[in-house]
Amino acid sequence: MLGGKTVKVTIDRDLYDRVRKIADVAGYATTEEFVTHVLEKEMLHFEDAGSDEDIRQRLKGLGYIS
């Protein structure tokens, strides 16, 4: 993590189990480390957006929203 405070996020147990398995296979020390890495990587798509509308368009382009 980036050294900040942490918060808890609730996700479905089945999804957590899938993420945990992938994190183990990929060699991450913890599931949290893997999730943090994935989220940081995905956030790069949006951090240089100039406006909320730019973010919406990028989310649409990536298939996250319709």
N, C-alpha and C. Protein backbone atom coordinates (compact mmCIF):
# COMPACT_ATOMS: atom_id res chain seq x y z
N MET A 1 0.83 -1.18 0.00
CA MET A 1 0.00 0.00 0.00
C MET A 1 0.87 1.24 0.00
N LEU A 2 0.26 2.35 -0.19
CA LEU A 2 1.01 3.58 -0.33
C LEU A 2 1.28 4.27 1.00
N GLY A 3 1.13 3.59 2.10
CA GLY A 3 1.47 4.16 3.39
C GLY A 3 0.36 4.95 4.05
N GLY A 4 -0.81 4.97 3.47
CA GLY A 4 -1.92 5.70 4.06
C GLY A 4 -2.73 4.82 4.99
N LYS A 5 -3.75 5.41 5.55
CA LYS A 5 -4.67 4.64 6.39
C LYS A 5 -5.46 3.69 5.50
N THR A 6 -5.95 2.64 6.07
CA THR A 6 -6.72 1.68 5.30
C THR A 6 -8.20 1.76 5.66
N VAL A 7 -9.02 1.28 4.74
CA VAL A 7 -10.46 1.15 4.96
C VAL A 7 -10.86 -0.25 4.53
N LYS A 8 -12.01 -0.68 5.00
CA LYS A 8 -12.52 -1.99 4.62
C LYS A 8 -13.52 -1.84 3.49
N VAL A 9 -13.49 -2.80 2.58
CA VAL A 9 -14.43 -2.87 1.48
C VAL A 9 -15.09 -4.23 1.54
N THR A 10 -16.39 -4.27 1.38
CA THR A 10 -17.11 -5.53 1.42
C THR A 10 -17.36 -6.02 0.01
N ILE A 11 -16.99 -7.28 -0.24
CA ILE A 11 -17.27 -7.91 -1.53
C ILE A 11 -17.88 -9.28 -1.28
N ASP A 12 -18.50 -9.80 -2.30
CA ASP A 12 -19.13 -11.11 -2.23
C ASP A 12 -18.08 -12.18 -1.90
N ARG A 13 -18.42 -13.14 -1.07
CA ARG A 13 -17.51 -14.19 -0.64
C ARG A 13 -16.96 -14.99 -1.83
N ASP A 14 -17.81 -15.31 -2.79
CA ASP A 14 -17.34 -16.06 -3.96
C ASP A 14 -16.27 -15.28 -4.73
N LEU A 15 -16.48 -13.99 -4.90
CA LEU A 15 -15.49 -13.16 -5.58
C LEU A 15 -14.20 -13.12 -4.77
N TYR A 16 -14.31 -12.96 -3.47
CA TYR A 16 -13.11 -12.94 -2.62
C TYR A 16 -12.32 -14.24 -2.76
N ASP A 17 -13.01 -15.36 -2.76
CA ASP A 17 -12.33 -16.65 -2.90
C ASP A 17 -11.60 -16.76 -4.23
N ARG A 18 -12.20 -16.26 -5.29
CA ARG A 18 -11.55 -16.26 -6.61
C ARG A 18 -10.32 -15.36 -6.61
N VAL A 19 -10.46 -14.18 -6.02
CA VAL A 19 -9.34 -13.24 -5.94
C VAL A 19 -8.22 -13.84 -5.10
N ARG A 20 -8.56 -14.45 -3.99
CA ARG A 20 -7.55 -15.05 -3.11
C ARG A 20 -6.76 -16.13 -3.85
N LYS A 21 -7.45 -16.96 -4.62
CA LYS A 21 -6.79 -18.01 -5.38
C LYS A 21 -5.80 -17.42 -6.38
N ILE A 22 -6.23 -16.41 -7.11
CA ILE A 22 -5.36 -15.78 -8.11
C ILE A 22 -4.17 -15.11 -7.43
N ALA A 23 -4.42 -14.44 -6.32
CA ALA A 23 -3.32 -13.79 -5.59
C ALA A 23 -2.29 -14.80 -5.13
N ASP A 24 -2.75 -15.95 -4.65
CA ASP A 24 -1.83 -17.02 -4.22
C ASP A 24 -1.00 -17.54 -5.39
N VAL A 25 -1.66 -17.84 -6.49
CA VAL A 25 -0.97 -18.37 -7.67
C VAL A 25 0.03 -17.35 -8.21
N ALA A 26 -0.33 -16.08 -8.18
CA ALA A 26 0.52 -15.03 -8.71
C ALA A 26 1.69 -14.68 -7.79
N GLY A 27 1.66 -15.21 -6.56
CA GLY A 27 2.77 -15.00 -5.64
C GLY A 27 2.68 -13.76 -4.77
N TYR A 28 1.50 -13.17 -4.66
CA TYR A 28 1.35 -12.02 -3.78
C TYR A 28 1.38 -12.49 -2.33
N ALA A 29 1.91 -11.65 -1.44
CA ALA A 29 2.02 -12.00 -0.03
C ALA A 29 0.64 -12.10 0.62
N THR A 30 -0.27 -11.23 0.18
CA THR A 30 -1.62 -11.23 0.73
C THR A 30 -2.63 -10.94 -0.38
N THR A 31 -3.86 -11.28 -0.12
CA THR A 31 -4.93 -10.94 -1.05
C THR A 31 -5.07 -9.43 -1.14
N GLU A 32 -4.92 -8.74 -0.02
CA GLU A 32 -5.02 -7.28 0.00
C GLU A 32 -3.96 -6.64 -0.89
N GLU A 33 -2.75 -7.20 -0.89
CA GLU A 33 -1.69 -6.67 -1.74
C GLU A 33 -2.07 -6.80 -3.21
N PHE A 34 -2.64 -7.93 -3.59
CA PHE A 34 -3.07 -8.15 -4.97
C PHE A 34 -4.19 -7.18 -5.35
N VAL A 35 -5.18 -7.04 -4.50
CA VAL A 35 -6.31 -6.14 -4.79
C VAL A 35 -5.81 -4.70 -4.92
N THR A 36 -4.91 -4.28 -4.05
CA THR A 36 -4.35 -2.94 -4.12
C THR A 36 -3.63 -2.74 -5.45
N HIS A 37 -2.84 -3.72 -5.86
CA HIS A 37 -2.12 -3.62 -7.13
C HIS A 37 -3.08 -3.49 -8.31
N VAL A 38 -4.11 -4.33 -8.33
CA VAL A 38 -5.07 -4.29 -9.43
C VAL A 38 -5.80 -2.94 -9.47
N LEU A 39 -6.22 -2.45 -8.31
CA LEU A 39 -6.92 -1.17 -8.28
C LEU A 39 -6.02 -0.02 -8.70
N GLU A 40 -4.77 -0.01 -8.22
CA GLU A 40 -3.85 1.04 -8.62
C GLU A 40 -3.62 1.03 -10.13
N LYS A 41 -3.48 -0.15 -10.69
CA LYS A 41 -3.27 -0.29 -12.14
C LYS A 41 -4.48 0.24 -12.91
N GLU A 42 -5.67 -0.10 -12.48
CA GLU A 42 -6.89 0.35 -13.16
C GLU A 42 -7.10 1.85 -13.01
N MET A 43 -6.73 2.41 -11.87
CA MET A 43 -6.91 3.84 -11.64
C MET A 43 -6.09 4.68 -12.60
N LEU A 44 -5.00 4.13 -13.13
CA LEU A 44 -4.17 4.87 -14.09
C LEU A 44 -4.96 5.28 -15.33
N HIS A 45 -6.02 4.53 -15.64
CA HIS A 45 -6.85 4.87 -16.79
C HIS A 45 -7.61 6.18 -16.60
N PHE A 46 -7.77 6.61 -15.36
CA PHE A 46 -8.66 7.74 -15.07
C PHE A 46 -7.98 8.94 -14.45
N GLU A 47 -6.79 8.77 -13.91
CA GLU A 47 -6.18 9.85 -13.14
C GLU A 47 -5.81 11.08 -13.96
N ASP A 48 -5.62 10.95 -15.25
CA ASP A 48 -5.29 12.12 -16.07
C ASP A 48 -6.50 12.69 -16.80
N ALA A 49 -7.67 12.23 -16.43
CA ALA A 49 -8.90 12.73 -17.06
C ALA A 49 -9.10 14.19 -16.65
N GLY A 50 -9.57 14.99 -17.61
CA GLY A 50 -9.74 16.41 -17.36
C GLY A 50 -11.04 16.78 -16.68
N SER A 51 -12.05 15.91 -16.78
CA SER A 51 -13.35 16.25 -16.21
C SER A 51 -14.11 14.97 -15.86
N ASP A 52 -15.22 15.14 -15.18
CA ASP A 52 -16.08 14.00 -14.87
C ASP A 52 -16.58 13.35 -16.15
N GLU A 53 -16.86 14.15 -17.16
CA GLU A 53 -17.34 13.60 -18.43
C GLU A 53 -16.25 12.74 -19.09
N ASP A 54 -15.00 13.17 -19.00
CA ASP A 54 -13.89 12.35 -19.51
C ASP A 54 -13.84 11.00 -18.81
N ILE A 55 -14.03 11.03 -17.50
CA ILE A 55 -14.03 9.78 -16.73
C ILE A 55 -15.17 8.88 -17.18
N ARG A 56 -16.38 9.46 -17.34
CA ARG A 56 -17.53 8.68 -17.81
C ARG A 56 -17.25 8.03 -19.16
N GLN A 57 -16.67 8.80 -20.08
CA GLN A 57 -16.38 8.27 -21.41
C GLN A 57 -15.35 7.14 -21.35
N ARG A 58 -14.36 7.28 -20.49
CA ARG A 58 -13.35 6.23 -20.35
C ARG A 58 -13.97 4.97 -19.72
N LEU A 59 -14.85 5.16 -18.74
CA LEU A 59 -15.54 4.02 -18.13
C LEU A 59 -16.40 3.30 -19.16
N LYS A 60 -17.07 4.06 -20.00
CA LYS A 60 -17.87 3.46 -21.07
C LYS A 60 -16.99 2.71 -22.05
N GLY A 61 -15.88 3.33 -22.44
CA GLY A 61 -14.96 2.70 -23.37
C GLY A 61 -14.38 1.40 -22.86
N LEU A 62 -14.19 1.31 -21.55
CA LEU A 62 -13.65 0.10 -20.93
C LEU A 62 -14.75 -0.92 -20.59
N GLY A 63 -16.01 -0.53 -20.81
CA GLY A 63 -17.12 -1.45 -20.55
C GLY A 63 -17.58 -1.50 -19.11
N TYR A 64 -17.13 -0.54 -18.28
CA TYR A 64 -17.54 -0.55 -16.88
C TYR A 64 -18.94 -0.01 -16.67
N ILE A 65 -19.35 0.94 -17.55
CA ILE A 65 -20.71 1.46 -17.50
C ILE A 65 -21.25 1.54 -18.92
N SER A 66 -22.58 1.66 -19.02
CA SER A 66 -23.17 1.75 -20.37
C SER A 66 -23.87 3.07 -20.56
